N, C-alpha and C. Protein backbone atom coordinates (compact mmCIF):
# COMPACT_ATOMS: atom_id res chain seq x y z
N MET A 1 -20.95 19.37 -9.43
CA MET A 1 -19.80 18.55 -10.15
C MET A 1 -19.64 17.33 -9.53
N ASP A 2 -20.60 16.32 -9.45
CA ASP A 2 -20.73 15.03 -8.67
C ASP A 2 -20.58 14.06 -9.78
N VAL A 3 -20.53 14.47 -11.10
CA VAL A 3 -20.29 13.65 -12.05
C VAL A 3 -18.78 13.47 -12.42
N LEU A 4 -18.47 12.07 -12.22
CA LEU A 4 -16.74 11.82 -12.63
C LEU A 4 -16.51 11.76 -13.96
N THR A 5 -15.34 12.28 -14.25
CA THR A 5 -15.12 12.10 -16.00
C THR A 5 -14.62 10.85 -15.98
N GLU A 6 -14.45 10.47 -17.49
CA GLU A 6 -13.79 9.04 -17.66
C GLU A 6 -12.52 8.96 -17.10
N ALA A 7 -11.71 9.92 -17.19
CA ALA A 7 -10.30 9.90 -16.54
C ALA A 7 -10.37 9.61 -15.05
N GLU A 8 -11.29 10.18 -14.43
CA GLU A 8 -11.35 9.98 -12.93
C GLU A 8 -11.77 8.89 -12.62
N ILE A 9 -12.76 8.22 -13.40
CA ILE A 9 -13.09 6.72 -13.00
C ILE A 9 -12.20 5.81 -13.34
N ARG A 10 -11.46 5.92 -14.13
CA ARG A 10 -10.22 5.30 -14.68
C ARG A 10 -9.12 5.19 -13.58
N THR A 11 -8.90 6.54 -12.96
CA THR A 11 -8.02 6.69 -12.01
C THR A 11 -8.32 6.00 -10.54
N LEU A 12 -9.73 5.93 -10.18
CA LEU A 12 -10.16 5.44 -9.21
C LEU A 12 -10.17 3.51 -9.35
N HIS A 13 -10.59 3.23 -10.55
CA HIS A 13 -10.14 1.80 -10.59
C HIS A 13 -8.73 1.27 -10.71
N GLU A 14 -8.11 2.35 -11.23
CA GLU A 14 -6.43 2.14 -11.40
C GLU A 14 -5.89 1.76 -9.57
N ALA A 15 -6.42 3.17 -8.96
CA ALA A 15 -5.80 3.19 -7.59
C ALA A 15 -6.39 1.77 -6.89
N LEU A 16 -7.75 1.28 -6.95
CA LEU A 16 -8.38 0.27 -6.21
C LEU A 16 -7.76 -0.90 -6.57
N ASP A 17 -7.48 -1.33 -7.99
CA ASP A 17 -6.47 -2.40 -8.31
C ASP A 17 -5.25 -2.53 -7.75
N ASP A 18 -4.65 -1.34 -7.76
CA ASP A 18 -3.37 -1.46 -6.89
C ASP A 18 -3.34 -2.00 -5.59
N GLU A 19 -4.17 -1.07 -5.00
CA GLU A 19 -4.41 -1.35 -3.57
C GLU A 19 -4.85 -2.97 -3.28
N TYR A 20 -5.69 -3.41 -4.20
CA TYR A 20 -6.09 -4.90 -4.15
C TYR A 20 -4.94 -5.87 -4.09
N ARG A 21 -4.01 -5.37 -5.24
CA ARG A 21 -2.73 -6.36 -5.86
C ARG A 21 -2.01 -6.38 -4.48
N ALA A 22 -1.70 -5.21 -3.73
CA ALA A 22 -0.58 -5.02 -2.75
C ALA A 22 -1.36 -5.61 -1.73
N TRP A 23 -2.48 -5.82 -1.35
CA TRP A 23 -2.90 -6.34 -0.32
C TRP A 23 -2.97 -7.95 -0.57
N ALA A 24 -3.30 -8.47 -1.59
CA ALA A 24 -3.21 -10.00 -2.13
C ALA A 24 -1.52 -10.44 -2.21
N THR A 25 -0.72 -9.49 -2.63
CA THR A 25 0.57 -9.80 -2.61
C THR A 25 1.27 -10.06 -0.96
N TYR A 26 0.92 -9.32 -0.21
CA TYR A 26 1.21 -9.29 1.20
C TYR A 26 0.53 -10.45 1.88
N ASP A 27 -0.68 -10.55 1.88
CA ASP A 27 -1.36 -11.85 2.02
C ASP A 27 -0.55 -13.25 1.93
N GLN A 28 -0.47 -13.17 0.47
CA GLN A 28 0.40 -14.42 -0.08
C GLN A 28 1.80 -14.73 1.01
N VAL A 29 2.31 -13.56 1.11
CA VAL A 29 3.91 -13.56 1.76
C VAL A 29 3.60 -13.92 3.19
N ILE A 30 2.46 -13.63 3.81
CA ILE A 30 2.08 -13.99 5.26
C ILE A 30 1.84 -15.58 5.16
N ARG A 31 1.09 -16.12 4.12
CA ARG A 31 0.82 -17.41 4.03
C ARG A 31 1.93 -18.29 3.58
N ASP A 32 2.67 -17.75 2.88
CA ASP A 32 3.98 -18.48 2.72
C ASP A 32 5.05 -18.31 3.89
N PHE A 33 5.13 -17.56 4.67
CA PHE A 33 6.29 -17.46 5.62
C PHE A 33 5.68 -16.81 7.01
N GLY A 34 4.45 -16.80 7.44
CA GLY A 34 3.99 -16.55 8.67
C GLY A 34 3.50 -15.15 8.87
N GLU A 35 3.00 -14.68 10.19
CA GLU A 35 3.02 -13.49 10.32
C GLU A 35 4.24 -12.78 10.72
N VAL A 36 4.76 -12.24 9.74
CA VAL A 36 6.06 -11.64 9.71
C VAL A 36 6.15 -10.24 9.24
N ARG A 37 6.64 -9.40 9.92
CA ARG A 37 6.71 -8.06 9.61
C ARG A 37 7.79 -7.65 8.80
N PRO A 38 7.60 -6.73 7.97
CA PRO A 38 6.62 -5.78 7.74
C PRO A 38 5.22 -5.93 7.20
N PHE A 39 5.41 -7.36 6.62
CA PHE A 39 4.05 -7.80 5.88
C PHE A 39 3.03 -7.70 6.36
N SER A 40 2.73 -8.01 7.71
CA SER A 40 1.66 -8.18 8.52
C SER A 40 0.83 -6.67 8.80
N ASN A 41 1.83 -5.92 9.12
CA ASN A 41 1.43 -4.46 9.38
C ASN A 41 1.05 -3.76 8.05
N ILE A 42 1.64 -4.12 7.05
CA ILE A 42 1.58 -3.31 5.69
C ILE A 42 -0.02 -3.63 5.01
N ARG A 43 0.04 -5.61 5.29
CA ARG A 43 -1.28 -5.68 5.05
C ARG A 43 -2.40 -5.11 5.55
N GLU A 44 -2.35 -4.56 6.80
CA GLU A 44 -3.49 -4.01 7.30
C GLU A 44 -3.78 -2.75 7.02
N ALA A 45 -2.53 -2.01 6.42
CA ALA A 45 -2.42 -0.92 6.01
C ALA A 45 -3.14 -0.78 4.78
N GLU A 46 -2.85 -1.89 3.96
CA GLU A 46 -3.31 -1.90 2.70
C GLU A 46 -4.98 -2.18 2.66
N ALA A 47 -5.71 -2.90 3.79
CA ALA A 47 -6.97 -2.96 3.87
C ALA A 47 -7.60 -1.54 4.02
N ARG A 48 -6.84 -0.79 4.88
CA ARG A 48 -7.57 0.71 5.19
C ARG A 48 -7.44 1.34 3.60
N HIS A 49 -6.41 1.25 2.90
CA HIS A 49 -6.18 1.87 1.67
C HIS A 49 -7.34 1.41 0.77
N ILE A 50 -7.83 0.31 0.54
CA ILE A 50 -8.94 -0.01 0.10
C ILE A 50 -10.12 0.44 0.44
N GLU A 51 -10.15 0.55 1.75
CA GLU A 51 -11.63 1.15 2.36
C GLU A 51 -11.62 2.74 1.65
N ALA A 52 -10.65 3.21 1.79
CA ALA A 52 -10.49 4.80 1.43
C ALA A 52 -10.80 4.88 0.08
N VAL A 53 -10.34 3.97 -1.05
CA VAL A 53 -10.93 4.33 -2.31
C VAL A 53 -12.23 3.50 -2.41
N ARG A 54 -12.69 2.55 -1.77
CA ARG A 54 -13.96 2.36 -1.85
C ARG A 54 -14.94 3.31 -1.72
N SER A 55 -14.50 4.18 -0.54
CA SER A 55 -15.56 5.09 -0.24
C SER A 55 -15.74 6.17 -1.21
N LEU A 56 -14.57 6.44 -2.09
CA LEU A 56 -15.03 7.20 -3.15
C LEU A 56 -15.73 6.61 -4.10
N PHE A 57 -15.60 5.24 -4.49
CA PHE A 57 -16.61 4.65 -5.38
C PHE A 57 -18.15 4.90 -4.77
N LEU A 58 -18.26 4.73 -3.49
CA LEU A 58 -19.53 4.72 -3.05
C LEU A 58 -19.89 6.14 -3.06
N ARG A 59 -19.13 7.03 -2.94
CA ARG A 59 -19.52 8.45 -2.97
C ARG A 59 -19.93 9.05 -4.32
N TYR A 60 -19.55 8.43 -5.26
CA TYR A 60 -19.77 8.74 -6.78
C TYR A 60 -20.64 7.90 -7.22
N GLY A 61 -21.54 6.92 -6.49
CA GLY A 61 -22.10 6.14 -7.10
C GLY A 61 -21.79 5.04 -8.10
N LEU A 62 -20.53 4.45 -7.94
CA LEU A 62 -20.01 3.66 -8.69
C LEU A 62 -19.94 2.12 -8.14
N SER A 63 -20.03 1.15 -9.03
CA SER A 63 -19.86 -0.40 -8.50
C SER A 63 -18.47 -0.32 -8.36
N VAL A 64 -18.13 -1.23 -7.10
CA VAL A 64 -17.25 -1.59 -6.52
C VAL A 64 -16.72 -3.03 -7.06
N PRO A 65 -15.45 -3.00 -7.67
CA PRO A 65 -15.26 -4.33 -8.17
C PRO A 65 -14.61 -5.09 -6.88
N ALA A 66 -14.93 -6.59 -7.10
CA ALA A 66 -14.15 -7.63 -6.05
C ALA A 66 -12.83 -7.45 -6.58
N ASN A 67 -11.98 -7.67 -5.66
CA ASN A 67 -10.59 -8.01 -5.47
C ASN A 67 -10.15 -9.54 -6.34
N PRO A 68 -9.80 -9.33 -7.46
CA PRO A 68 -9.37 -10.41 -8.43
C PRO A 68 -8.00 -10.78 -8.19
N TRP A 69 -7.17 -10.32 -7.48
CA TRP A 69 -5.71 -10.72 -6.97
C TRP A 69 -5.60 -12.06 -6.22
N PRO A 70 -6.35 -12.26 -5.25
CA PRO A 70 -5.83 -13.45 -4.59
C PRO A 70 -5.76 -14.65 -4.98
N GLY A 71 -4.39 -15.46 -4.86
CA GLY A 71 -4.14 -16.61 -5.62
C GLY A 71 -3.58 -16.60 -7.04
N ARG A 72 -3.58 -15.06 -7.46
CA ARG A 72 -2.93 -14.72 -8.56
C ARG A 72 -1.71 -13.92 -8.87
N VAL A 73 -0.93 -13.47 -7.61
CA VAL A 73 0.14 -12.97 -7.41
C VAL A 73 1.52 -13.62 -7.28
N GLU A 74 2.44 -13.09 -7.41
CA GLU A 74 3.74 -13.73 -7.59
C GLU A 74 4.20 -14.45 -6.07
N ARG A 75 4.72 -15.44 -6.10
CA ARG A 75 5.17 -16.12 -4.72
C ARG A 75 6.84 -15.95 -4.90
N TYR A 76 7.26 -15.86 -3.54
CA TYR A 76 8.71 -15.91 -3.65
C TYR A 76 9.30 -16.83 -2.63
N ALA A 77 10.66 -17.10 -3.02
CA ALA A 77 11.56 -18.01 -2.47
C ALA A 77 11.88 -17.87 -1.20
N SER A 78 11.96 -16.50 -0.78
CA SER A 78 12.54 -16.28 0.48
C SER A 78 11.84 -14.87 0.87
N LEU A 79 11.94 -14.49 2.34
CA LEU A 79 11.65 -13.41 2.71
C LEU A 79 12.27 -12.19 2.15
N GLN A 80 13.58 -12.41 2.08
CA GLN A 80 14.49 -11.28 1.53
C GLN A 80 13.80 -10.79 0.24
N GLN A 81 13.77 -12.06 -0.58
CA GLN A 81 13.09 -11.64 -2.09
C GLN A 81 11.98 -10.98 -2.15
N ALA A 82 10.91 -11.36 -1.04
CA ALA A 82 9.64 -10.57 -1.16
C ALA A 82 9.89 -9.36 -0.44
N CYS A 83 10.72 -9.16 0.33
CA CYS A 83 11.11 -7.68 0.68
C CYS A 83 11.69 -6.71 -0.34
N ALA A 84 12.69 -7.22 -0.97
CA ALA A 84 12.94 -6.64 -2.34
C ALA A 84 12.06 -6.20 -3.30
N ALA A 85 11.27 -7.19 -3.62
CA ALA A 85 10.03 -6.96 -4.42
C ALA A 85 9.12 -5.95 -3.82
N GLY A 86 9.01 -6.00 -2.66
CA GLY A 86 8.25 -4.72 -1.83
C GLY A 86 8.92 -3.30 -2.26
N VAL A 87 10.22 -3.26 -2.07
CA VAL A 87 10.79 -1.78 -2.54
C VAL A 87 10.39 -1.45 -3.74
N THR A 88 10.75 -2.48 -4.73
CA THR A 88 10.39 -2.26 -6.11
C THR A 88 8.89 -1.49 -6.41
N ALA A 89 7.95 -2.46 -5.48
CA ALA A 89 6.51 -2.28 -6.20
C ALA A 89 6.21 -0.75 -5.31
N GLU A 90 6.64 -0.44 -4.27
CA GLU A 90 6.28 0.79 -3.32
C GLU A 90 6.89 1.76 -4.34
N ILE A 91 8.21 1.64 -5.09
CA ILE A 91 8.67 2.74 -5.91
C ILE A 91 7.70 2.99 -6.93
N ALA A 92 7.29 1.80 -7.56
CA ALA A 92 6.67 1.99 -8.71
C ALA A 92 5.19 2.67 -8.46
N ASN A 93 4.59 2.09 -7.08
CA ASN A 93 3.26 2.76 -6.39
C ASN A 93 3.50 4.40 -6.42
N GLY A 94 4.61 4.90 -6.12
CA GLY A 94 4.64 6.20 -5.84
C GLY A 94 4.66 6.84 -7.18
N GLU A 95 5.27 6.30 -8.03
CA GLU A 95 5.16 6.81 -9.72
C GLU A 95 3.79 6.98 -9.97
N MET A 96 3.06 5.79 -9.81
CA MET A 96 1.65 5.72 -10.20
C MET A 96 0.85 6.78 -9.46
N TYR A 97 1.02 6.88 -8.52
CA TYR A 97 0.21 7.80 -7.61
C TYR A 97 0.26 9.41 -8.30
N ASP A 98 1.59 9.61 -8.88
CA ASP A 98 2.12 10.99 -9.38
C ASP A 98 1.24 11.26 -10.50
N ARG A 99 1.24 10.22 -11.49
CA ARG A 99 0.35 10.24 -12.48
C ARG A 99 -1.05 10.03 -12.30
N LEU A 100 -1.64 9.69 -11.26
CA LEU A 100 -2.80 9.59 -11.03
C LEU A 100 -3.32 11.00 -10.19
N LEU A 101 -2.69 11.43 -9.62
CA LEU A 101 -2.89 13.05 -8.93
C LEU A 101 -3.26 13.97 -9.92
N ALA A 102 -2.81 13.93 -11.35
CA ALA A 102 -2.73 14.99 -12.47
C ALA A 102 -4.11 14.73 -13.30
N SER A 103 -4.95 13.43 -12.70
CA SER A 103 -6.24 13.24 -13.26
C SER A 103 -7.23 14.02 -12.87
N THR A 104 -7.13 14.65 -11.74
CA THR A 104 -8.44 15.21 -11.20
C THR A 104 -7.99 16.68 -10.57
N ARG A 105 -8.83 17.35 -10.26
CA ARG A 105 -8.82 18.56 -9.16
C ARG A 105 -9.88 18.48 -8.25
N ARG A 106 -10.64 17.45 -8.04
CA ARG A 106 -11.41 17.23 -6.92
C ARG A 106 -10.85 16.87 -5.86
N GLU A 107 -11.10 17.66 -4.56
CA GLU A 107 -10.11 17.76 -3.51
C GLU A 107 -10.39 16.41 -2.72
N GLU A 108 -11.43 15.74 -2.59
CA GLU A 108 -11.86 14.53 -1.83
C GLU A 108 -11.21 13.35 -2.57
N ILE A 109 -10.93 13.47 -3.93
CA ILE A 109 -9.94 12.32 -4.57
C ILE A 109 -8.88 12.74 -4.15
N LEU A 110 -8.13 13.97 -4.52
CA LEU A 110 -6.72 14.22 -4.46
C LEU A 110 -6.44 14.04 -2.86
N THR A 111 -7.15 14.23 -1.82
CA THR A 111 -6.75 14.11 -0.76
C THR A 111 -6.67 12.27 -0.30
N VAL A 112 -7.53 11.55 -0.90
CA VAL A 112 -7.15 10.07 -0.60
C VAL A 112 -5.89 9.79 -1.35
N LEU A 113 -5.68 10.08 -2.56
CA LEU A 113 -4.53 9.75 -3.51
C LEU A 113 -3.29 10.22 -2.69
N ARG A 114 -3.22 11.31 -2.17
CA ARG A 114 -2.03 11.98 -1.66
C ARG A 114 -1.80 11.10 -0.18
N ASN A 115 -2.92 10.69 0.62
CA ASN A 115 -2.61 10.26 1.77
C ASN A 115 -2.18 8.73 1.44
N LEU A 116 -2.39 8.04 0.40
CA LEU A 116 -1.96 6.86 -0.13
C LEU A 116 -0.87 7.05 -0.41
N GLN A 117 -0.52 7.91 -1.35
CA GLN A 117 1.09 7.98 -1.83
C GLN A 117 1.93 8.32 -0.80
N ALA A 118 1.70 9.12 0.43
CA ALA A 118 2.38 9.39 1.49
C ALA A 118 2.59 8.00 2.31
N ALA A 119 1.74 7.38 2.44
CA ALA A 119 1.69 5.95 3.31
C ALA A 119 2.76 5.09 2.52
N SER A 120 2.86 4.99 0.99
CA SER A 120 3.80 4.21 0.56
C SER A 120 4.98 4.68 0.35
N GLN A 121 5.00 5.88 0.47
CA GLN A 121 6.54 6.46 0.42
C GLN A 121 7.06 6.82 1.76
N GLU A 122 6.52 7.11 2.64
CA GLU A 122 7.07 7.59 3.75
C GLU A 122 6.96 6.52 4.73
N ARG A 123 6.25 5.37 4.31
CA ARG A 123 6.18 4.23 5.52
C ARG A 123 6.36 2.91 4.85
N HIS A 124 5.82 2.78 3.88
CA HIS A 124 5.80 0.98 3.51
C HIS A 124 7.16 0.86 2.62
N LEU A 125 7.76 1.74 1.92
CA LEU A 125 8.94 2.04 1.24
C LEU A 125 10.10 1.88 2.54
N PRO A 126 10.08 2.52 3.38
CA PRO A 126 11.16 2.56 4.08
C PRO A 126 11.21 1.13 5.14
N ALA A 127 10.21 0.43 5.32
CA ALA A 127 9.86 -0.56 6.16
C ALA A 127 10.53 -1.55 5.00
N PHE A 128 9.84 -1.64 3.95
CA PHE A 128 10.67 -2.65 3.10
C PHE A 128 12.12 -2.82 2.64
N ARG A 129 12.68 -1.39 2.90
CA ARG A 129 13.94 -1.10 2.56
C ARG A 129 14.87 -1.76 3.93
N ARG A 130 14.34 -1.62 5.13
CA ARG A 130 14.89 -1.94 6.23
C ARG A 130 14.67 -3.72 6.08
N CYS A 131 13.69 -4.21 5.72
CA CYS A 131 13.46 -5.45 5.69
C CYS A 131 14.83 -6.24 4.64
N ALA A 132 14.73 -5.55 3.74
CA ALA A 132 15.52 -6.19 2.44
C ALA A 132 17.09 -6.02 2.94
N GLU A 133 17.34 -4.98 3.84
CA GLU A 133 18.94 -4.78 4.11
C GLU A 133 19.25 -5.78 5.41
N ALA A 134 18.35 -6.20 6.22
CA ALA A 134 18.50 -6.79 7.08
C ALA A 134 18.63 -8.36 6.85
N GLY A 135 17.86 -8.72 5.55
CA GLY A 135 18.05 -10.02 4.99
C GLY A 135 19.44 -10.15 4.38
N SER A 136 20.25 -8.83 4.14
CA SER A 136 21.48 -9.06 3.43
C SER A 136 22.57 -8.80 4.04
N GLY A 137 22.15 -8.70 5.47
CA GLY A 137 23.21 -8.34 6.59
C GLY A 137 23.77 -6.86 6.76
N ARG A 138 23.08 -6.03 5.88
CA ARG A 138 23.21 -4.69 5.89
C ARG A 138 22.13 -4.06 6.75
N GLY A 139 21.92 -4.49 8.05
CA GLY A 139 20.66 -4.06 8.98
C GLY A 139 20.76 -2.52 9.27
N GLY A 140 21.73 -1.81 8.90
CA GLY A 140 21.54 -0.26 9.32
C GLY A 140 22.09 -0.14 10.84
N GLY A 141 22.36 -0.89 11.42
CA GLY A 141 23.03 -0.86 12.84
C GLY A 141 21.81 -0.68 13.90
N ARG A 142 21.00 -0.84 13.50
CA ARG A 142 19.56 -0.96 14.46
C ARG A 142 19.31 -2.51 15.00
N GLY A 143 19.33 -2.25 16.45
CA GLY A 143 18.86 -3.56 17.10
C GLY A 143 17.19 -4.34 16.73
N ALA A 144 17.19 -5.33 16.64
CA ALA A 144 15.89 -5.96 16.20
C ALA A 144 14.91 -5.16 17.21
N GLY A 145 14.95 -5.07 18.37
CA GLY A 145 13.92 -4.54 19.22
C GLY A 145 13.52 -3.12 18.78
N ARG A 146 14.40 -2.38 18.55
CA ARG A 146 14.29 -0.89 18.14
C ARG A 146 13.49 -0.92 16.93
N ALA A 147 13.87 -1.92 15.95
CA ALA A 147 13.36 -1.69 14.73
C ALA A 147 11.87 -2.20 14.70
N ARG A 148 11.88 -3.22 15.93
CA ARG A 148 10.29 -3.85 15.88
C ARG A 148 9.57 -2.64 16.24
N LEU A 149 9.83 -1.91 17.34
CA LEU A 149 9.06 -0.58 17.83
C LEU A 149 8.82 0.40 16.87
N LEU A 150 9.88 0.67 16.05
CA LEU A 150 9.54 1.75 15.12
C LEU A 150 8.48 1.26 13.68
N ILE A 151 8.41 -0.03 13.76
CA ILE A 151 7.71 -0.65 12.63
C ILE A 151 6.26 -0.69 13.31
N ASP A 152 5.97 -0.86 14.49
CA ASP A 152 5.01 -0.91 15.33
C ASP A 152 4.27 0.28 15.37
N ALA A 153 5.03 1.64 15.81
CA ALA A 153 4.56 2.83 15.73
C ALA A 153 4.34 3.47 14.44
N THR A 154 5.05 2.85 13.46
CA THR A 154 4.74 3.54 12.17
C THR A 154 3.12 2.93 11.54
N TYR A 155 2.67 2.04 11.97
CA TYR A 155 1.66 1.66 11.13
C TYR A 155 0.17 1.55 11.63
N ARG A 156 0.52 2.49 13.28
CA ARG A 156 -0.74 2.58 13.87
C ARG A 156 -1.65 3.75 13.07
N CYS A 157 -2.95 3.23 12.87
CA CYS A 157 -3.71 4.24 11.88
C CYS A 157 -4.59 5.38 12.99
N GLU A 158 -4.33 6.46 12.52
CA GLU A 158 -4.88 7.73 13.23
C GLU A 158 -5.93 8.31 12.12
N ARG A 159 -6.77 7.70 12.02
CA ARG A 159 -8.04 7.98 11.19
C ARG A 159 -8.46 9.41 11.29
N ASN A 160 -8.67 10.03 12.54
CA ASN A 160 -9.03 11.24 12.69
C ASN A 160 -8.11 12.39 11.97
N ASN A 161 -6.76 11.81 11.75
CA ASN A 161 -5.85 12.91 11.27
C ASN A 161 -5.68 12.48 9.93
N ARG A 162 -6.49 11.50 9.03
CA ARG A 162 -6.52 11.16 7.80
C ARG A 162 -4.91 10.30 7.71
N PHE A 163 -4.51 9.53 8.43
CA PHE A 163 -3.20 8.99 8.34
C PHE A 163 -3.53 7.63 7.92
N TYR A 164 -3.13 7.32 6.80
CA TYR A 164 -3.40 6.03 6.17
C TYR A 164 -1.69 5.28 6.00
């Protein structure tokens, strides 16, 4: 069962393209606004996500396409707008992974897709929500120091536990 179906190949391409686009978007935000959180941490996470999907391409003998997104992503007038766009993108990302998970029964593909979806919904989305709320004056009552510690702890990669 090493030959992928066309649906599985499309799934891998869509997942990789989405991770590429996310990385390029967060990289552009950093270029425009500096090394700001949560974008700097999430950009690093997106690089790990890309490698996770690339490993599936290599496992199944597929050519890995280059990232077409750098220089082609939306730019934002403010950090708050970028954070709000991050919320919208991560919500759409969760929905995309719901759909992609239905395209295969291969455990190694399902594991990577589930890990990517969990990272998006459990870590990236809350970080962008905090960022968007902080910019609107609704910071949720957290001090900046505590929020920074939470964000730092959230994005440490524990590869042995398949934490993406």
